[in-house]
């Protein structure tokens, strides 16, 4: 297959090492592994983008080279009001549609649908696949439905993610995958600390993780960035509890995370929202660390209750689960990830999703009826 793909037109890939941006990590892994499987993959990104797949930069400069510049860009109201970021995305999207229309690509794969939506009606002969990385909120669903055509198809990253929009034309659910070589297994004795890793925001349940640690008498290591819009939450609910038992280490680069997972007694995932997936759950389990998570979003699809961790419905149940964490075998956690959530499994699923989307497009095309113009009298 000949596939063109993009994430953001203004961010290079791989992502800057100090930045958290999972869609880029996943897109790079998909592009490189499918290239090794002898598919023709072209990744569209600005100057500085490099990988073993083909790369098209359009000689466009990136708008951010590191996390600080990225956050400045996100909070630049002037740039946002003038659609600067969207203009970079649209520049590449237009190029992709034009080249696909000429026959260079069989399918276009976007990780942010809004980049492609302005062009789908102009190029009805180009099949498009979107990966949905975010919750499908009502306004987001309305936007996707507003631009629907027979040429567009969707990949959800969990079945639960589909609930707010069950009628979109889904090609597949493909669970996110990780490099199990990076998040390597360890069956060495664990330290007596609990671990939380993620953005320091209310929906991730950092406050609740602290409560669990305090009630169980465990140390807690918190890993994750604090963004400007969450400083009040951090100052009110997190900072007052930090001490020698509850530590906030801030942002840690991804390749340094495994050593924290490998030593943790358990990984806490006390989410307060409908999490579409949750990469940190599989990163922990890949290292042999059991996960205790709230029954929200994708959690029941990712964790095997009482085998790779515990699924709970309250902070009180999470506290009780910590007391029983020794019943979970680390080897079961690792085997679970290898079977369902490795990069290899994910890429194979995308390979099938691409073909499914092409088959759906062909079927839609065959069903279209061309009405001849009326004869002149």
Protein backbone atom coordinates (compact mmCIF):
# COMPACT_ATOMS: atom_id res chain seq x y z
CA UNK A 1 0.00 0.00 0.00
CA UNK A 2 0.99 3.60 -0.59
CA UNK A 3 0.09 5.65 2.46
CA UNK A 4 0.61 9.34 3.28
CA UNK A 5 0.34 10.39 6.92
CA UNK A 6 0.74 13.41 9.17
CA UNK A 7 0.24 14.50 12.77
CA UNK A 8 1.02 18.22 13.00
CA UNK A 9 2.42 20.39 10.26
CA UNK A 10 4.27 22.58 12.73
CA UNK A 11 5.99 19.91 14.89
CA UNK A 12 8.93 17.81 13.70
CA UNK A 13 8.99 14.05 14.15
CA UNK A 14 10.23 12.34 16.19
CA UNK A 15 8.96 14.84 18.77
CA UNK A 16 11.44 16.95 20.78
CA UNK A 17 12.66 14.85 23.73
CA UNK A 18 11.29 17.24 26.36
CA UNK A 19 7.78 17.27 24.89
CA UNK A 20 4.83 14.97 25.62
CA UNK A 21 2.96 14.24 22.38
CA UNK A 22 1.81 10.62 22.10
CA UNK A 23 0.25 10.85 18.58
CA UNK A 24 3.67 11.67 17.13
CA UNK A 25 5.28 8.71 18.92
CA UNK A 26 2.60 6.38 17.60
CA UNK A 27 2.67 7.78 14.05
CA UNK A 28 6.45 7.41 13.85
CA UNK A 29 6.28 3.80 15.05
CA UNK A 30 3.52 2.97 12.55
CA UNK A 31 5.36 4.65 9.67
CA UNK A 32 8.71 3.02 10.36
CA UNK A 33 7.39 -0.49 10.96
CA UNK A 34 5.12 -0.44 7.91
CA UNK A 35 8.08 0.72 5.83
CA UNK A 36 10.00 -2.33 7.08
CA UNK A 37 7.02 -4.43 5.97
CA UNK A 38 7.63 -3.02 2.46
CA UNK A 39 4.69 -0.64 2.32
CA UNK A 40 5.35 2.81 0.85
CA UNK A 41 4.86 5.31 3.68
CA UNK A 42 5.36 9.06 3.33
CA UNK A 43 5.30 11.13 6.51
CA UNK A 44 4.49 14.83 6.09
CA UNK A 45 6.15 17.12 8.63
CA UNK A 46 8.25 20.32 8.79
CA UNK A 47 12.01 20.63 8.49
CA UNK A 48 13.76 18.51 11.09
CA UNK A 49 11.48 15.52 10.51
CA UNK A 50 13.46 12.33 9.94
CA UNK A 51 12.77 8.59 10.05
CA UNK A 52 13.26 5.45 7.98
CA UNK A 53 9.98 6.12 6.12
CA UNK A 54 9.92 8.65 3.28
CA UNK A 55 9.60 12.24 4.52
CA UNK A 56 8.04 15.29 2.85
CA UNK A 57 8.90 18.57 4.58
CA UNK A 58 7.64 21.02 1.97
CA UNK A 59 10.62 23.06 3.14
CA UNK A 60 8.34 24.37 5.90
CA UNK A 61 9.93 25.47 9.16
CA UNK A 62 8.62 24.06 12.46
CA UNK A 63 6.89 26.45 14.85
CA UNK A 64 8.26 24.74 17.96
CA UNK A 65 11.57 22.98 18.63
CA UNK A 66 11.06 22.15 22.31
CA UNK A 67 8.39 21.97 25.00
CA UNK A 68 8.80 25.61 26.05
CA UNK A 69 8.24 26.86 22.51
CA UNK A 70 5.34 24.45 22.11
CA UNK A 71 3.55 25.76 25.20
CA UNK A 72 4.23 29.35 24.17
CA UNK A 73 2.63 28.54 20.82
CA UNK A 74 -0.42 26.96 22.47
CA UNK A 75 -0.95 30.03 24.65
CA UNK A 76 -0.26 32.58 21.92
CA UNK A 77 -3.74 34.07 21.51
CA UNK A 78 -2.68 36.17 18.54
CA UNK A 79 -1.33 33.14 16.64
CA UNK A 80 -4.41 31.11 17.57
CA UNK A 81 -6.89 33.82 16.53
CA UNK A 82 -5.19 34.07 13.14
CA UNK A 83 -5.18 30.28 12.65
CA UNK A 84 -1.39 30.06 12.37
CA UNK A 85 -1.12 26.49 13.65
CA UNK A 86 -4.04 25.38 11.46
CA UNK A 87 -2.43 27.02 8.43
CA UNK A 88 0.69 24.85 8.85
CA UNK A 89 -1.52 21.74 9.13
CA UNK A 90 -3.61 22.71 6.11
CA UNK A 91 -0.50 23.37 4.01
CA UNK A 92 0.50 19.72 4.28
CA UNK A 93 -3.05 18.37 4.09
CA UNK A 94 -3.68 20.16 0.79
CA UNK A 95 -0.42 18.78 -0.59
CA UNK A 96 -1.40 15.26 0.47
CA UNK A 97 -4.84 15.46 -1.16
CA UNK A 98 -3.44 16.87 -4.41
CA UNK A 99 -0.84 14.11 -4.67
CA UNK A 100 -3.33 11.38 -3.74
CA UNK A 101 -5.71 12.70 -6.41
CA UNK A 102 -2.90 12.23 -8.95
CA UNK A 103 -2.50 8.61 -7.87
CA UNK A 104 0.63 8.87 -5.69
CA UNK A 105 -1.13 7.49 -2.57
CA UNK A 106 -3.81 4.87 -1.99
CA UNK A 107 -4.92 6.33 1.35
CA UNK A 108 -4.34 9.35 3.58
CA UNK A 109 -3.98 8.83 7.35
CA UNK A 110 -4.46 11.82 9.65
CA UNK A 111 -4.04 11.87 13.42
CA UNK A 112 -5.99 15.13 13.74
CA UNK A 113 -9.11 15.19 11.51
CA UNK A 114 -9.49 18.96 11.51
CA UNK A 115 -6.43 19.26 9.26
CA UNK A 116 -8.13 17.32 6.46
CA UNK A 117 -11.79 18.33 6.75
CA UNK A 118 -11.56 21.44 4.50
CA UNK A 119 -10.45 19.23 1.58
CA UNK A 120 -12.57 16.08 1.73
CA UNK A 121 -15.43 17.49 -0.38
CA UNK A 122 -12.98 18.79 -2.97
CA UNK A 123 -11.36 15.36 -3.42
CA UNK A 124 -14.11 12.73 -3.13
CA UNK A 125 -11.90 10.20 -4.92
CA UNK A 126 -9.34 10.17 -2.08
CA UNK A 127 -9.98 7.74 0.82
CA UNK A 128 -9.11 9.12 4.25
CA UNK A 129 -8.56 7.41 7.60
CA UNK A 130 -8.50 9.30 10.90
CA UNK A 131 -7.20 8.10 14.25
CA UNK A 132 -9.25 9.65 17.05
CA UNK A 133 -6.92 10.34 19.98
CA UNK A 134 -9.25 12.48 22.09
CA UNK A 135 -12.66 12.02 23.72
CA UNK A 136 -15.47 12.66 21.25
CA UNK A 137 -17.20 15.59 22.91
CA UNK A 138 -20.51 16.87 21.48
CA UNK A 139 -18.96 19.79 19.57
CA UNK A 140 -16.23 17.51 18.17
CA UNK A 141 -18.83 14.97 17.05
CA UNK A 142 -20.86 17.73 15.39
CA UNK A 143 -17.78 18.86 13.49
CA UNK A 144 -17.00 15.36 12.23
CA UNK A 145 -20.59 14.71 11.18
CA UNK A 146 -20.83 18.10 9.45
CA UNK A 147 -18.09 17.11 7.00
CA UNK A 148 -18.98 13.44 6.50
CA UNK A 149 -18.48 11.94 3.04
CA UNK A 150 -18.33 8.31 1.77
CA UNK A 151 -14.54 8.67 1.57
CA UNK A 152 -13.83 9.08 5.30
CA UNK A 153 -13.31 6.40 7.96
CA UNK A 154 -12.25 6.32 11.59
CA UNK A 155 -10.03 4.36 13.95
CA UNK A 156 -10.97 4.49 17.63
CA UNK A 157 -8.28 3.75 20.21
CA UNK A 158 -10.77 1.95 22.48
CA UNK A 159 -14.32 0.72 22.10
CA UNK A 160 -15.41 2.96 24.96
CA UNK A 161 -14.22 6.00 23.00
CA UNK A 162 -16.99 5.32 20.47
CA UNK A 163 -19.84 5.66 22.96
CA UNK A 164 -20.58 9.39 22.33
CA UNK A 165 -20.51 8.84 18.54
CA UNK A 166 -21.39 5.21 17.77
CA UNK A 167 -22.55 5.86 14.21
CA UNK A 168 -19.36 7.20 12.69
CA UNK A 169 -17.97 4.95 9.92
CA UNK A 170 -15.34 3.10 11.95
CA UNK A 171 -12.82 0.91 10.17
CA UNK A 172 -11.42 -0.56 13.39
CA UNK A 173 -10.53 -0.12 17.02
CA UNK A 174 -6.75 -0.21 17.31
CA UNK A 175 -5.26 -0.09 20.78
CA UNK A 176 -2.15 2.01 21.22
CA UNK A 177 1.10 0.09 21.46
CA UNK A 178 4.48 0.61 23.10
CA UNK A 179 8.04 -0.55 22.57
CA UNK A 180 8.25 -3.47 24.98
CA UNK A 181 12.04 -3.41 24.54
CA UNK A 182 12.14 0.08 26.07
CA UNK A 183 9.61 -0.69 28.80
CA UNK A 184 11.43 -3.86 29.74
CA UNK A 185 10.26 -6.45 32.23
CA UNK A 186 11.70 -6.70 35.70
CA UNK A 187 10.89 -9.31 38.34
CA UNK A 188 13.35 -7.90 40.86
CA UNK A 189 12.05 -7.02 44.35
CA UNK A 190 9.97 -3.85 44.34
CA UNK A 191 10.49 -0.75 46.42
CA UNK A 192 7.67 0.21 48.75
CA UNK A 193 6.36 3.16 46.72
CA UNK A 194 3.32 3.83 44.57
CA UNK A 195 3.69 5.60 41.25
CA UNK A 196 1.62 8.15 39.35
CA UNK A 197 2.67 9.41 35.90
CA UNK A 198 0.73 11.83 33.74
CA UNK A 199 -0.31 15.44 33.33
CA UNK A 200 -1.00 17.22 36.61
CA UNK A 201 -4.67 17.90 35.93
CA UNK A 202 -7.89 17.11 37.84
CA UNK A 203 -9.13 14.52 35.33
CA UNK A 204 -6.00 12.40 35.83
CA UNK A 205 -6.73 12.07 39.56
CA UNK A 206 -3.46 13.27 41.08
CA UNK A 207 -5.27 14.50 44.18
CA UNK A 208 -6.86 11.07 44.60
CA UNK A 209 -3.49 9.32 44.18
CA UNK A 210 -2.13 11.38 47.08
CA UNK A 211 -5.11 10.39 49.21
CA UNK A 212 -4.48 6.69 48.49
CA UNK A 213 -0.81 7.02 49.45
CA UNK A 214 -1.63 8.83 52.67
CA UNK A 215 -4.30 6.35 53.71
CA UNK A 216 -2.11 3.31 53.00
CA UNK A 217 1.07 4.77 54.48
CA UNK A 218 3.02 4.35 51.23
CA UNK A 219 5.45 6.68 49.58
CA UNK A 220 4.22 8.18 46.31
CA UNK A 221 6.27 9.33 43.34
CA UNK A 222 4.46 11.73 41.01
CA UNK A 223 5.85 12.22 37.51
CA UNK A 224 4.36 14.76 35.11
CA UNK A 225 4.39 18.37 33.94
CA UNK A 226 2.34 21.23 35.37
CA UNK A 227 0.96 23.43 32.62
CA UNK A 228 0.18 27.13 33.20
CA UNK A 229 -3.59 26.64 33.17
CA UNK A 230 -3.33 24.05 35.96
CA UNK A 231 -1.16 25.99 38.40
CA UNK A 232 -4.11 26.76 40.67
CA UNK A 233 -5.01 23.07 40.89
CA UNK A 234 -1.40 22.18 41.63
CA UNK A 235 -1.00 24.91 44.27
CA UNK A 236 -4.23 23.98 46.05
CA UNK A 237 -4.30 20.17 45.92
CA UNK A 238 -0.79 18.89 45.21
CA UNK A 239 1.91 21.24 46.47
CA UNK A 240 0.71 21.38 50.13
CA UNK A 241 1.12 17.60 50.43
CA UNK A 242 4.63 17.31 49.02
CA UNK A 243 7.26 16.11 51.49
CA UNK A 244 9.87 13.36 51.85
CA UNK A 245 7.07 10.75 51.44
CA UNK A 246 5.22 12.33 48.52
CA UNK A 247 7.54 13.55 45.79
CA UNK A 248 6.81 15.39 42.55
CA UNK A 249 9.66 14.85 40.09
CA UNK A 250 8.18 16.94 37.27
CA UNK A 251 8.61 15.96 33.63
CA UNK A 252 10.89 13.00 32.94
CA UNK A 253 11.89 11.96 29.43
CA UNK A 254 10.18 8.83 28.20
CA UNK A 255 13.29 6.68 27.99
CA UNK A 256 13.94 7.31 31.70
CA UNK A 257 10.46 6.22 32.83
CA UNK A 258 10.99 2.43 32.82
CA UNK A 259 13.28 2.46 35.85
CA UNK A 260 10.52 4.12 37.90
CA UNK A 261 7.91 1.62 36.69
CA UNK A 262 10.23 -1.34 37.32
CA UNK A 263 10.69 -0.49 41.00
CA UNK A 264 7.15 0.62 41.88
CA UNK A 265 4.90 -1.57 44.03
CA UNK A 266 1.89 -0.49 41.97
CA UNK A 267 0.89 2.10 39.42
CA UNK A 268 -2.10 4.26 40.30
CA UNK A 269 -4.51 5.37 37.57
CA UNK A 270 -7.32 7.14 39.48
CA UNK A 271 -8.82 8.90 36.45
CA UNK A 272 -11.82 11.18 36.89
CA UNK A 273 -12.87 11.24 33.22
CA UNK A 274 -13.53 8.92 30.27
CA UNK A 275 -9.90 8.29 29.30
CA UNK A 276 -9.79 7.22 25.60
CA UNK A 277 -6.82 4.93 26.23
CA UNK A 278 -4.05 5.61 28.77
CA UNK A 279 -0.56 4.69 27.60
CA UNK A 280 0.89 4.77 31.11
CA UNK A 281 -1.18 1.71 32.06
CA UNK A 282 0.49 -0.48 29.45
CA UNK A 283 3.91 1.06 30.10
CA UNK A 284 3.61 0.02 33.74
CA UNK A 285 2.35 -3.50 32.98
CA UNK A 286 5.07 -4.01 30.38
CA UNK A 287 7.59 -3.50 33.19
CA UNK A 288 5.76 -6.05 35.35
CA UNK A 289 4.03 -3.43 37.50
CA UNK A 290 0.35 -4.03 38.33
CA UNK A 291 -2.12 -1.19 37.78
CA UNK A 292 -4.94 -0.04 40.06
CA UNK A 293 -7.39 2.03 38.04
CA UNK A 294 -10.82 3.59 38.25
CA UNK A 295 -13.51 1.99 36.11
CA UNK A 296 -13.67 4.81 33.56
CA UNK A 297 -13.04 5.07 29.83
CA UNK A 298 -10.84 2.34 28.35
CA UNK A 299 -9.76 0.84 31.69
CA UNK A 300 -11.86 -2.37 31.46
CA UNK A 301 -10.42 -2.98 27.98
CA UNK A 302 -6.81 -2.54 29.10
CA UNK A 303 -6.59 -4.18 32.53
CA UNK A 304 -7.50 -7.77 33.36
CA UNK A 305 -9.11 -7.47 36.78
CA UNK A 306 -7.30 -9.46 39.47
CA UNK A 307 -4.75 -10.70 36.90
CA UNK A 308 -2.82 -7.59 35.80
CA UNK A 309 -4.19 -5.25 38.45
CA UNK A 310 -7.46 -4.11 39.96
CA UNK A 311 -10.38 -2.14 38.52
CA UNK A 312 -12.10 -0.13 41.24
CA UNK A 313 -15.03 2.25 41.61
CA UNK A 314 -13.88 4.53 44.41
CA UNK A 315 -10.86 5.81 46.30
CA UNK A 316 -11.84 3.51 49.17
CA UNK A 317 -11.67 0.49 46.86
CA UNK A 318 -8.34 1.71 45.49
CA UNK A 319 -6.95 1.84 49.03
CA UNK A 320 -8.13 -1.73 49.63
CA UNK A 321 -6.59 -2.86 46.32
CA UNK A 322 -3.17 -1.55 47.37
CA UNK A 323 -3.32 -3.93 50.34
CA UNK A 324 -3.91 -6.87 47.96
CA UNK A 325 -1.43 -5.91 45.24
CA UNK A 326 0.90 -8.77 46.18
CA UNK A 327 -1.62 -11.19 44.68
CA UNK A 328 -0.82 -9.94 41.17
CA UNK A 329 2.02 -11.74 39.36
CA UNK A 330 4.36 -9.37 37.48
CA UNK A 331 4.85 -11.95 34.71
CA UNK A 332 1.11 -11.87 33.93
CA UNK A 333 1.30 -8.11 33.44
CA UNK A 334 4.13 -8.45 30.95
CA UNK A 335 2.50 -11.28 28.99
CA UNK A 336 -0.72 -9.28 28.73
CA UNK A 337 1.08 -6.33 27.12
CA UNK A 338 3.08 -8.51 24.74
CA UNK A 339 -0.12 -10.17 23.55
CA UNK A 340 -2.29 -7.05 23.10
CA UNK A 341 -0.37 -3.79 23.36
CA UNK A 342 3.05 -4.06 21.75
CA UNK A 343 4.03 -1.81 18.86
CA UNK A 344 4.13 -4.88 16.62
CA UNK A 345 0.53 -5.77 17.46
CA UNK A 346 -0.57 -2.16 16.92
CA UNK A 347 1.12 -1.87 13.54
CA UNK A 348 -0.39 -5.14 12.35
CA UNK A 349 -3.82 -3.83 13.35
CA UNK A 350 -3.26 -0.60 11.41
CA UNK A 351 -2.20 -2.63 8.38
CA UNK A 352 -5.59 -4.36 8.52
CA UNK A 353 -7.42 -1.08 9.22
CA UNK A 354 -5.92 0.49 6.09
CA UNK A 355 -7.19 -2.39 3.98
CA UNK A 356 -10.59 -2.28 5.66
CA UNK A 357 -10.88 1.44 4.93
CA UNK A 358 -9.97 0.87 1.28
CA UNK A 359 -12.54 -1.94 1.03
CA UNK A 360 -15.22 0.26 2.62
CA UNK A 361 -14.35 3.08 0.23
CA UNK A 362 -14.63 0.73 -2.77
CA UNK A 363 -17.99 -0.55 -1.52
CA UNK A 364 -19.29 3.00 -1.03
CA UNK A 365 -18.09 3.92 -4.49
CA UNK A 366 -19.84 0.93 -6.05
CA UNK A 367 -23.11 1.91 -4.37
CA UNK A 368 -23.13 5.39 -5.82
CA UNK A 369 -25.63 5.83 -8.62
CA UNK A 370 -24.81 8.30 -11.33
CA UNK A 371 -27.93 9.98 -12.64
CA UNK A 372 -27.58 10.98 -16.32
CA UNK A 373 -28.56 14.52 -17.26
CA UNK A 374 -32.06 14.92 -18.73
CA UNK A 375 -32.31 14.68 -22.50
CA UNK A 376 -32.89 17.89 -24.38
CA UNK A 377 -36.36 18.10 -25.87
